[in-house]
């Protein structure tokens, strides 16, 4: 009986309670969705069609459409072409999550 109690005591020590997480909860985010929204919003604000953006950026209209619908994840080089064509500068930065609240 003593061995069983020692086993149970040891097992109980290894149980992690939900109120004591090892790591703080970090809300996930979808960077691709944010990029899509930014491209669509900027393009619409500037009254630029997908075809016009394709001509100015050198990115095919079908790829612009795929990016905007979430079926294609563009490279940084492609994002730069799109930004340049929209008269914008592509800026990539690491921001503390607390600063976004």
PDB file of N, CA and C in Angstrom:
ATOM      1  N   UNK A   1       0.816  -1.192   0.000  1.00  0.00           N
ATOM      2  CA  UNK A   1       0.000   0.000   0.000  1.00  0.00           C
ATOM      3  C   UNK A   1       0.858   1.254   0.000  1.00  0.00           C
ATOM      4  N   UNK A   2       1.991   1.182   0.663  1.00  0.00           N
ATOM      5  CA  UNK A   2       2.887   2.327   0.740  1.00  0.00           C
ATOM      6  C   UNK A   2       3.417   2.683  -0.647  1.00  0.00           C
ATOM      7  N   UNK A   3       3.741   1.693  -1.482  1.00  0.00           N
ATOM      8  CA  UNK A   3       4.230   1.945  -2.835  1.00  0.00           C
ATOM      9  C   UNK A   3       3.160   2.605  -3.696  1.00  0.00           C
ATOM     10  N   UNK A   4       1.920   2.199  -3.524  1.00  0.00           N
ATOM     11  CA  UNK A   4       0.826   2.791  -4.282  1.00  0.00           C
ATOM     12  C   UNK A   4       0.648   4.260  -3.897  1.00  0.00           C
ATOM     13  N   UNK A   5       0.733   4.546  -2.623  1.00  0.00           N
ATOM     14  CA  UNK A   5       0.583   5.930  -2.172  1.00  0.00           C
ATOM     15  C   UNK A   5       1.734   6.784  -2.695  1.00  0.00           C
ATOM     16  N   UNK A   6       2.951   6.260  -2.683  1.00  0.00           N
ATOM     17  CA  UNK A   6       4.103   7.001  -3.204  1.00  0.00           C
ATOM     18  C   UNK A   6       3.932   7.261  -4.690  1.00  0.00           C
ATOM     19  N   UNK A   7       3.440   6.274  -5.423  1.00  0.00           N
ATOM     20  CA  UNK A   7       3.192   6.431  -6.851  1.00  0.00           C
ATOM     21  C   UNK A   7       2.143   7.522  -7.093  1.00  0.00           C
ATOM     22  N   UNK A   8       1.061   7.494  -6.356  1.00  0.00           N
ATOM     23  CA  UNK A   8      -0.006   8.482  -6.514  1.00  0.00           C
ATOM     24  C   UNK A   8       0.482   9.891  -6.149  1.00  0.00           C
ATOM     25  N   UNK A   9       1.255   9.998  -5.071  1.00  0.00           N
ATOM     26  CA  UNK A   9       1.805  11.302  -4.681  1.00  0.00           C
ATOM     27  C   UNK A   9       2.702  11.860  -5.778  1.00  0.00           C
ATOM     28  N   UNK A  10       3.542  10.998  -6.344  1.00  0.00           N
ATOM     29  CA  UNK A  10       4.451  11.422  -7.416  1.00  0.00           C
ATOM     30  C   UNK A  10       3.657  11.839  -8.661  1.00  0.00           C
ATOM     31  N   UNK A  11       2.655  11.073  -9.010  1.00  0.00           N
ATOM     32  CA  UNK A  11       1.832  11.389 -10.191  1.00  0.00           C
ATOM     33  C   UNK A  11       1.083  12.699  -9.985  1.00  0.00           C
ATOM     34  N   UNK A  12       0.611  12.949  -8.777  1.00  0.00           N
ATOM     35  CA  UNK A  12      -0.123  14.170  -8.486  1.00  0.00           C
ATOM     36  C   UNK A  12       0.780  15.402  -8.601  1.00  0.00           C
ATOM     37  N   UNK A  13       2.039  15.259  -8.255  1.00  0.00           N
ATOM     38  CA  UNK A  13       2.991  16.369  -8.362  1.00  0.00           C
ATOM     39  C   UNK A  13       3.191  16.792  -9.816  1.00  0.00           C
ATOM     40  N   UNK A  14       3.047  15.842 -10.739  1.00  0.00           N
ATOM     41  CA  UNK A  14       3.277  16.128 -12.159  1.00  0.00           C
ATOM     42  C   UNK A  14       2.042  16.661 -12.880  1.00  0.00           C
ATOM     43  N   UNK A  15       0.923  16.707 -12.204  1.00  0.00           N
ATOM     44  CA  UNK A  15      -0.311  17.217 -12.803  1.00  0.00           C
ATOM     45  C   UNK A  15      -0.222  18.737 -12.868  1.00  0.00           C
ATOM     46  N   UNK A  16      -0.524  19.278 -14.047  1.00  0.00           N
ATOM     47  CA  UNK A  16      -0.528  20.727 -14.231  1.00  0.00           C
ATOM     48  C   UNK A  16      -1.966  21.203 -14.238  1.00  0.00           C
ATOM     49  N   UNK A  17      -2.236  22.163 -13.398  1.00  0.00           N
ATOM     50  CA  UNK A  17      -3.579  22.722 -13.326  1.00  0.00           C
ATOM     51  C   UNK A  17      -3.730  23.806 -14.373  1.00  0.00           C
ATOM     52  N   UNK A  18      -4.941  23.958 -14.902  1.00  0.00           N
ATOM     53  CA  UNK A  18      -5.191  24.956 -15.930  1.00  0.00           C
ATOM     54  C   UNK A  18      -4.933  26.370 -15.441  1.00  0.00           C
ATOM     55  N   UNK A  19      -5.071  26.614 -14.185  1.00  0.00           N
ATOM     56  CA  UNK A  19      -4.867  27.958 -13.658  1.00  0.00           C
ATOM     57  C   UNK A  19      -3.391  28.330 -13.560  1.00  0.00           C
ATOM     58  N   UNK A  20      -2.516  27.363 -13.807  1.00  0.00           N
ATOM     59  CA  UNK A  20      -1.083  27.617 -13.726  1.00  0.00           C
ATOM     60  C   UNK A  20      -0.388  27.227 -15.032  1.00  0.00           C
ATOM     61  N   UNK A  21      -0.653  27.951 -16.120  1.00  0.00           N
ATOM     62  CA  UNK A  21      -0.031  27.589 -17.397  1.00  0.00           C
ATOM     63  C   UNK A  21       1.473  27.865 -17.375  1.00  0.00           C
ATOM     64  N   UNK A  22       2.204  27.040 -18.117  1.00  0.00           N
ATOM     65  CA  UNK A  22       3.655  27.233 -18.229  1.00  0.00           C
ATOM     66  C   UNK A  22       3.978  28.482 -19.029  1.00  0.00           C
ATOM     67  N   UNK A  23       3.168  28.743 -20.040  1.00  0.00           N
ATOM     68  CA  UNK A  23       3.406  29.878 -20.922  1.00  0.00           C
ATOM     69  C   UNK A  23       2.176  30.777 -20.929  1.00  0.00           C
ATOM     70  N   UNK A  24       2.397  32.072 -21.034  1.00  0.00           N
ATOM     71  CA  UNK A  24       1.234  32.962 -21.108  1.00  0.00           C
ATOM     72  C   UNK A  24       0.485  32.738 -22.412  1.00  0.00           C
ATOM     73  N   UNK A  25      -0.825  32.945 -22.375  1.00  0.00           N
ATOM     74  CA  UNK A  25      -1.635  32.789 -23.576  1.00  0.00           C
ATOM     75  C   UNK A  25      -1.325  33.919 -24.549  1.00  0.00           C
ATOM     76  N   UNK A  26      -1.015  33.553 -25.772  1.00  0.00           N
ATOM     77  CA  UNK A  26      -0.742  34.532 -26.814  1.00  0.00           C
ATOM     78  C   UNK A  26      -1.771  34.328 -27.913  1.00  0.00           C
ATOM     79  N   UNK A  27      -2.567  35.354 -28.149  1.00  0.00           N
ATOM     80  CA  UNK A  27      -3.594  35.255 -29.173  1.00  0.00           C
ATOM     81  C   UNK A  27      -2.944  35.161 -30.545  1.00  0.00           C
ATOM     82  N   UNK A  28      -3.378  34.195 -31.319  1.00  0.00           N
ATOM     83  CA  UNK A  28      -2.837  34.008 -32.660  1.00  0.00           C
ATOM     84  C   UNK A  28      -3.490  35.012 -33.607  1.00  0.00           C
ATOM     85  N   UNK A  29      -2.805  35.298 -34.693  1.00  0.00           N
ATOM     86  CA  UNK A  29      -3.357  36.195 -35.693  1.00  0.00           C
ATOM     87  C   UNK A  29      -2.990  35.659 -37.069  1.00  0.00           C
ATOM     88  N   UNK A  30      -3.770  36.052 -38.053  1.00  0.00           N
ATOM     89  CA  UNK A  30      -3.573  35.581 -39.421  1.00  0.00           C
ATOM     90  C   UNK A  30      -2.950  36.702 -40.240  1.00  0.00           C
ATOM     91  N   UNK A  31      -1.637  36.653 -40.392  1.00  0.00           N
ATOM     92  CA  UNK A  31      -0.917  37.704 -41.109  1.00  0.00           C
ATOM     93  C   UNK A  31      -1.355  37.766 -42.564  1.00  0.00           C
ATOM     94  N   UNK A  32      -1.686  36.628 -43.150  1.00  0.00           N
ATOM     95  CA  UNK A  32      -2.117  36.617 -44.548  1.00  0.00           C
ATOM     96  C   UNK A  32      -3.456  37.342 -44.708  1.00  0.00           C
ATOM     97  N   UNK A  33      -4.350  37.148 -43.760  1.00  0.00           N
ATOM     98  CA  UNK A  33      -5.638  37.855 -43.810  1.00  0.00           C
ATOM     99  C   UNK A  33      -5.423  39.357 -43.654  1.00  0.00           C
ATOM    100  N   UNK A  34      -4.502  39.742 -42.776  1.00  0.00           N
ATOM    101  CA  UNK A  34      -4.207  41.167 -42.605  1.00  0.00           C
ATOM    102  C   UNK A  34      -3.627  41.762 -43.883  1.00  0.00           C
ATOM    103  N   UNK A  35      -2.740  41.027 -44.544  1.00  0.00           N
ATOM    104  CA  UNK A  35      -2.155  41.506 -45.803  1.00  0.00           C
ATOM    105  C   UNK A  35      -3.218  41.631 -46.885  1.00  0.00           C
ATOM    106  N   UNK A  36      -4.078  40.611 -46.992  1.00  0.00           N
ATOM    107  CA  UNK A  36      -5.154  40.663 -47.991  1.00  0.00           C
ATOM    108  C   UNK A  36      -6.021  41.888 -47.766  1.00  0.00           C
ATOM    109  N   UNK A  37      -6.431  42.101 -46.531  1.00  0.00           N
ATOM    110  CA  UNK A  37      -7.290  43.238 -46.218  1.00  0.00           C
ATOM    111  C   UNK A  37      -6.595  44.555 -46.551  1.00  0.00           C
ATOM    112  N   UNK A  38      -5.326  44.646 -46.252  1.00  0.00           N
ATOM    113  CA  UNK A  38      -4.575  45.868 -46.531  1.00  0.00           C
ATOM    114  C   UNK A  38      -4.488  46.134 -48.030  1.00  0.00           C
ATOM    115  N   UNK A  39      -4.219  45.103 -48.812  1.00  0.00           N
ATOM    116  CA  UNK A  39      -4.122  45.270 -50.264  1.00  0.00           C
ATOM    117  C   UNK A  39      -5.465  45.682 -50.847  1.00  0.00           C
ATOM    118  N   UNK A  40      -6.522  44.964 -50.485  1.00  0.00           N
ATOM    119  CA  UNK A  40      -7.857  45.263 -51.026  1.00  0.00           C
ATOM    120  C   UNK A  40      -8.311  46.659 -50.613  1.00  0.00           C
ATOM    121  N   UNK A  41      -8.147  46.983 -49.348  1.00  0.00           N
ATOM    122  CA  UNK A  41      -8.579  48.287 -48.842  1.00  0.00           C
ATOM    123  C   UNK A  41      -7.832  49.424 -49.533  1.00  0.00           C
ATOM    124  N   UNK A  42      -6.520  49.286 -49.653  1.00  0.00           N
ATOM    125  CA  UNK A  42      -5.718  50.332 -50.290  1.00  0.00           C
ATOM    126  C   UNK A  42      -6.070  50.459 -51.765  1.00  0.00           C
ATOM    127  N   UNK A  43      -6.194  49.333 -52.437  1.00  0.00           N
ATOM    128  CA  UNK A  43      -6.520  49.349 -53.868  1.00  0.00           C
ATOM    129  C   UNK A  43      -7.878  50.012 -54.095  1.00  0.00           C
ATOM    130  N   UNK A  44      -8.868  49.641 -53.271  1.00  0.00           N
ATOM    131  CA  UNK A  44     -10.202  50.233 -53.409  1.00  0.00           C
ATOM    132  C   UNK A  44     -10.201  51.713 -53.059  1.00  0.00           C
ATOM    133  N   UNK A  45      -9.475  52.103 -52.023  1.00  0.00           N
ATOM    134  CA  UNK A  45      -9.402  53.511 -51.630  1.00  0.00           C
ATOM    135  C   UNK A  45      -8.815  54.358 -52.757  1.00  0.00           C
ATOM    136  N   UNK A  46      -7.810  53.794 -53.453  1.00  0.00           N
ATOM    137  CA  UNK A  46      -7.174  54.524 -54.554  1.00  0.00           C
ATOM    138  C   UNK A  46      -7.930  54.358 -55.866  1.00  0.00           C
ATOM    139  N   UNK A  47      -9.034  53.600 -55.826  1.00  0.00           N
ATOM    140  CA  UNK A  47      -9.861  53.353 -57.011  1.00  0.00           C
ATOM    141  C   UNK A  47      -9.036  52.721 -58.138  1.00  0.00           C
ATOM    142  N   UNK A  48      -8.283  51.694 -57.764  1.00  0.00           N
ATOM    143  CA  UNK A  48      -7.436  50.963 -58.710  1.00  0.00           C
ATOM    144  C   UNK A  48      -8.037  49.571 -58.881  1.00  0.00           C
ATOM    145  N   UNK A  49      -8.219  49.145 -60.116  1.00  0.00           N
ATOM    146  CA  UNK A  49      -8.739  47.802 -60.376  1.00  0.00           C
ATOM    147  C   UNK A  49      -7.609  46.779 -60.262  1.00  0.00           C
ATOM    148  N   UNK A  50      -7.983  45.527 -60.200  1.00  0.00           N
ATOM    149  CA  UNK A  50      -6.970  44.470 -60.192  1.00  0.00           C
ATOM    150  C   UNK A  50      -6.136  44.525 -61.475  1.00  0.00           C
ATOM    151  N   UNK A  51      -6.777  44.778 -62.611  1.00  0.00           N
ATOM    152  CA  UNK A  51      -6.050  44.863 -63.880  1.00  0.00           C
ATOM    153  C   UNK A  51      -5.047  46.006 -63.880  1.00  0.00           C
ATOM    154  N   UNK A  52      -5.461  47.161 -63.353  1.00  0.00           N
ATOM    155  CA  UNK A  52      -4.545  48.299 -63.293  1.00  0.00           C
ATOM    156  C   UNK A  52      -3.371  48.002 -62.354  1.00  0.00           C
ATOM    157  N   UNK A  53      -3.662  47.376 -61.235  1.00  0.00           N
ATOM    158  CA  UNK A  53      -2.603  47.018 -60.298  1.00  0.00           C
ATOM    159  C   UNK A  53      -1.646  46.017 -60.935  1.00  0.00           C
ATOM    160  N   UNK A  54      -2.186  45.083 -61.676  1.00  0.00           N
ATOM    161  CA  UNK A  54      -1.353  44.092 -62.360  1.00  0.00           C
ATOM    162  C   UNK A  54      -0.419  44.770 -63.362  1.00  0.00           C
ATOM    163  N   UNK A  55      -0.958  45.697 -64.135  1.00  0.00           N
ATOM    164  CA  UNK A  55      -0.136  46.409 -65.125  1.00  0.00           C
ATOM    165  C   UNK A  55       0.973  47.209 -64.455  1.00  0.00           C
ATOM    166  N   UNK A  56       0.635  47.913 -63.390  1.00  0.00           N
ATOM    167  CA  UNK A  56       1.615  48.760 -62.707  1.00  0.00           C
ATOM    168  C   UNK A  56       2.656  47.963 -61.934  1.00  0.00           C
ATOM    169  N   UNK A  57       2.249  46.810 -61.401  1.00  0.00           N
ATOM    170  CA  UNK A  57       3.146  46.046 -60.529  1.00  0.00           C
ATOM    171  C   UNK A  57       3.945  44.965 -61.244  1.00  0.00           C
ATOM    172  N   UNK A  58       3.437  44.512 -62.377  1.00  0.00           N
ATOM    173  CA  UNK A  58       4.093  43.394 -63.050  1.00  0.00           C
ATOM    174  C   UNK A  58       3.678  42.046 -62.472  1.00  0.00           C
ATOM    175  N   UNK A  59       2.723  42.068 -61.548  1.00  0.00           N
ATOM    176  CA  UNK A  59       2.165  40.838 -60.981  1.00  0.00           C
ATOM    177  C   UNK A  59       0.888  40.555 -61.764  1.00  0.00           C
ATOM    178  N   UNK A  60       0.717  39.337 -62.233  1.00  0.00           N
ATOM    179  CA  UNK A  60      -0.445  39.042 -63.070  1.00  0.00           C
ATOM    180  C   UNK A  60      -1.749  39.300 -62.327  1.00  0.00           C
ATOM    181  N   UNK A  61      -2.786  39.643 -63.101  1.00  0.00           N
ATOM    182  CA  UNK A  61      -4.100  39.896 -62.506  1.00  0.00           C
ATOM    183  C   UNK A  61      -4.605  38.648 -61.795  1.00  0.00           C
ATOM    184  N   UNK A  62      -4.316  37.479 -62.358  1.00  0.00           N
ATOM    185  CA  UNK A  62      -4.778  36.248 -61.707  1.00  0.00           C
ATOM    186  C   UNK A  62      -4.091  36.058 -60.352  1.00  0.00           C
ATOM    187  N   UNK A  63      -2.824  36.440 -60.246  1.00  0.00           N
ATOM    188  CA  UNK A  63      -2.151  36.331 -58.954  1.00  0.00           C
ATOM    189  C   UNK A  63      -2.657  37.385 -57.963  1.00  0.00           C
ATOM    190  N   UNK A  64      -2.973  38.575 -58.453  1.00  0.00           N
ATOM    191  CA  UNK A  64      -3.576  39.596 -57.591  1.00  0.00           C
ATOM    192  C   UNK A  64      -4.883  39.043 -57.023  1.00  0.00           C
ATOM    193  N   UNK A  65      -5.693  38.443 -57.886  1.00  0.00           N
ATOM    194  CA  UNK A  65      -6.962  37.864 -57.464  1.00  0.00           C
ATOM    195  C   UNK A  65      -6.744  36.744 -56.442  1.00  0.00           C
ATOM    196  N   UNK A  66      -5.759  35.892 -56.692  1.00  0.00           N
ATOM    197  CA  UNK A  66      -5.470  34.790 -55.765  1.00  0.00           C
ATOM    198  C   UNK A  66      -4.998  35.319 -54.411  1.00  0.00           C
ATOM    199  N   UNK A  67      -4.184  36.364 -54.425  1.00  0.00           N
ATOM    200  CA  UNK A  67      -3.717  36.968 -53.175  1.00  0.00           C
ATOM    201  C   UNK A  67      -4.909  37.515 -52.397  1.00  0.00           C
ATOM    202  N   UNK A  68      -5.767  38.263 -53.084  1.00  0.00           N
ATOM    203  CA  UNK A  68      -6.912  38.899 -52.432  1.00  0.00           C
ATOM    204  C   UNK A  68      -7.948  37.894 -51.939  1.00  0.00           C
ATOM    205  N   UNK A  69      -8.011  36.735 -52.558  1.00  0.00           N
ATOM    206  CA  UNK A  69      -8.972  35.714 -52.123  1.00  0.00           C
ATOM    207  C   UNK A  69      -8.368  34.735 -51.120  1.00  0.00           C
ATOM    208  N   UNK A  70      -7.063  34.865 -50.865  1.00  0.00           N
ATOM    209  CA  UNK A  70      -6.410  33.999 -49.892  1.00  0.00           C
ATOM    210  C   UNK A  70      -5.912  32.686 -50.452  1.00  0.00           C
ATOM    211  N   UNK A  71      -5.911  32.555 -51.775  1.00  0.00           N
ATOM    212  CA  UNK A  71      -5.460  31.313 -52.398  1.00  0.00           C
ATOM    213  C   UNK A  71      -3.974  31.319 -52.752  1.00  0.00           C
ATOM    214  N   UNK A  72      -3.297  32.420 -52.450  1.00  0.00           N
ATOM    215  CA  UNK A  72      -1.876  32.537 -52.762  1.00  0.00           C
ATOM    216  C   UNK A  72      -1.243  33.449 -51.720  1.00  0.00           C
ATOM    217  N   UNK A  73      -0.132  33.022 -51.159  1.00  0.00           N
ATOM    218  CA  UNK A  73       0.595  33.831 -50.184  1.00  0.00           C
ATOM    219  C   UNK A  73       1.799  34.446 -50.884  1.00  0.00           C
ATOM    220  N   UNK A  74       1.781  35.756 -51.073  1.00  0.00           N
ATOM    221  CA  UNK A  74       2.841  36.415 -51.837  1.00  0.00           C
ATOM    222  C   UNK A  74       4.158  36.477 -51.076  1.00  0.00           C
ATOM    223  N   UNK A  75       5.233  36.522 -51.838  1.00  0.00           N
ATOM    224  CA  UNK A  75       6.561  36.711 -51.248  1.00  0.00           C
ATOM    225  C   UNK A  75       6.731  38.178 -50.879  1.00  0.00           C
ATOM    226  N   UNK A  76       7.776  38.471 -50.149  1.00  0.00           N
ATOM    227  CA  UNK A  76       8.069  39.859 -49.793  1.00  0.00           C
ATOM    228  C   UNK A  76       8.337  40.659 -51.066  1.00  0.00           C
ATOM    229  N   UNK A  77       9.011  40.072 -52.042  1.00  0.00           N
ATOM    230  CA  UNK A  77       9.301  40.757 -53.304  1.00  0.00           C
ATOM    231  C   UNK A  77       8.001  41.121 -54.030  1.00  0.00           C
ATOM    232  N   UNK A  78       7.035  40.216 -54.020  1.00  0.00           N
ATOM    233  CA  UNK A  78       5.745  40.487 -54.656  1.00  0.00           C
ATOM    234  C   UNK A  78       4.994  41.575 -53.897  1.00  0.00           C
ATOM    235  N   UNK A  79       5.034  41.522 -52.577  1.00  0.00           N
ATOM    236  CA  UNK A  79       4.390  42.568 -51.781  1.00  0.00           C
ATOM    237  C   UNK A  79       5.003  43.930 -52.064  1.00  0.00           C
ATOM    238  N   UNK A  80       6.321  43.967 -52.259  1.00  0.00           N
ATOM    239  CA  UNK A  80       6.996  45.232 -52.572  1.00  0.00           C
ATOM    240  C   UNK A  80       6.529  45.762 -53.924  1.00  0.00           C
ATOM    241  N   UNK A  81       6.401  44.891 -54.902  1.00  0.00           N
ATOM    242  CA  UNK A  81       5.913  45.312 -56.222  1.00  0.00           C
ATOM    243  C   UNK A  81       4.509  45.907 -56.115  1.00  0.00           C
ATOM    244  N   UNK A  82       3.667  45.253 -55.332  1.00  0.00           N
ATOM    245  CA  UNK A  82       2.293  45.729 -55.161  1.00  0.00           C
ATOM    246  C   UNK A  82       2.297  47.077 -54.437  1.00  0.00           C
ATOM    247  N   UNK A  83       3.084  47.178 -53.387  1.00  0.00           N
ATOM    248  CA  UNK A  83       3.162  48.435 -52.637  1.00  0.00           C
ATOM    249  C   UNK A  83       3.663  49.564 -53.534  1.00  0.00           C
ATOM    250  N   UNK A  84       4.723  49.309 -54.283  1.00  0.00           N
ATOM    251  CA  UNK A  84       5.260  50.325 -55.196  1.00  0.00           C
ATOM    252  C   UNK A  84       4.207  50.768 -56.203  1.00  0.00           C
ATOM    253  N   UNK A  85       3.468  49.800 -56.747  1.00  0.00           N
ATOM    254  CA  UNK A  85       2.447  50.118 -57.750  1.00  0.00           C
ATOM    255  C   UNK A  85       1.308  50.946 -57.153  1.00  0.00           C
ATOM    256  N   UNK A  86       1.080  50.796 -55.851  1.00  0.00           N
ATOM    257  CA  UNK A  86       0.037  51.568 -55.180  1.00  0.00           C
ATOM    258  C   UNK A  86       0.570  52.885 -54.626  1.00  0.00           C
ATOM    259  N   UNK A  87       1.833  53.174 -54.918  1.00  0.00           N
ATOM    260  CA  UNK A  87       2.430  54.415 -54.432  1.00  0.00           C
ATOM    261  C   UNK A  87       2.735  54.380 -52.947  1.00  0.00           C
ATOM    262  N   UNK A  88       2.948  53.185 -52.433  1.00  0.00           N
ATOM    263  CA  UNK A  88       3.216  52.998 -51.008  1.00  0.00           C
ATOM    264  C   UNK A  88       4.599  52.381 -50.822  1.00  0.00           C
ATOM    265  N   UNK A  89       5.059  52.435 -49.592  1.00  0.00           N
ATOM    266  CA  UNK A  89       6.334  51.812 -49.236  1.00  0.00           C
ATOM    267  C   UNK A  89       6.032  50.619 -48.342  1.00  0.00           C
ATOM    268  N   UNK A  90       6.576  49.466 -48.669  1.00  0.00           N
ATOM    269  CA  UNK A  90       6.389  48.276 -47.848  1.00  0.00           C
ATOM    270  C   UNK A  90       7.271  48.403 -46.617  1.00  0.00           C
ATOM    271  N   UNK A  91       6.664  48.300 -45.441  1.00  0.00           N
ATOM    272  CA  UNK A  91       7.393  48.384 -44.178  1.00  0.00           C
ATOM    273  C   UNK A  91       7.096  47.121 -43.391  1.00  0.00           C
ATOM    274  N   UNK A  92       8.147  46.427 -42.984  1.00  0.00           N
ATOM    275  CA  UNK A  92       7.997  45.226 -42.175  1.00  0.00           C
ATOM    276  C   UNK A  92       8.660  45.515 -40.841  1.00  0.00           C
ATOM    277  N   UNK A  93       7.942  45.228 -39.765  1.00  0.00           N
ATOM    278  CA  UNK A  93       8.447  45.576 -38.451  1.00  0.00           C
ATOM    279  C   UNK A  93       7.986  44.531 -37.447  1.00  0.00           C
ATOM    280  N   UNK A  94       8.717  44.399 -36.362  1.00  0.00           N
ATOM    281  CA  UNK A  94       8.299  43.565 -35.241  1.00  0.00           C
ATOM    282  C   UNK A  94       7.809  44.523 -34.152  1.00  0.00           C
ATOM    283  N   UNK A  95       6.558  44.329 -33.739  1.00  0.00           N
ATOM    284  CA  UNK A  95       5.931  45.214 -32.747  1.00  0.00           C
ATOM    285  C   UNK A  95       5.527  44.382 -31.556  1.00  0.00           C
ATOM    286  N   UNK A  96       5.759  44.912 -30.354  1.00  0.00           N
ATOM    287  CA  UNK A  96       5.316  44.212 -29.150  1.00  0.00           C
ATOM    288  C   UNK A  96       3.807  44.059 -29.189  1.00  0.00           C
ATOM    289  N   UNK A  97       3.339  42.893 -28.818  1.00  0.00           N
ATOM    290  CA  UNK A  97       1.898  42.629 -28.845  1.00  0.00           C
ATOM    291  C   UNK A  97       1.144  43.599 -27.937  1.00  0.00           C
ATOM    292  N   UNK A  98       1.758  43.981 -26.828  1.00  0.00           N
ATOM    293  CA  UNK A  98       1.101  44.904 -25.910  1.00  0.00           C
ATOM    294  C   UNK A  98       0.835  46.247 -26.566  1.00  0.00           C
ATOM    295  N   UNK A  99       1.677  46.651 -27.516  1.00  0.00           N
ATOM    296  CA  UNK A  99       1.508  47.936 -28.189  1.00  0.00           C
ATOM    297  C   UNK A  99       0.286  47.944 -29.108  1.00  0.00           C
ATOM    298  N   UNK A 100      -0.225  46.788 -29.455  1.00  0.00           N
ATOM    299  CA  UNK A 100      -1.353  46.692 -30.375  1.00  0.00           C
ATOM    300  C   UNK A 100      -2.694  46.721 -29.664  1.00  0.00           C
ATOM    301  N   UNK A 101      -2.687  46.649 -28.355  1.00  0.00           N
ATOM    302  CA  UNK A 101      -3.949  46.604 -27.591  1.00  0.00           C
ATOM    303  C   UNK A 101      -4.538  47.973 -27.416  1.00  0.00           C
TER     304      UNK A 101
END
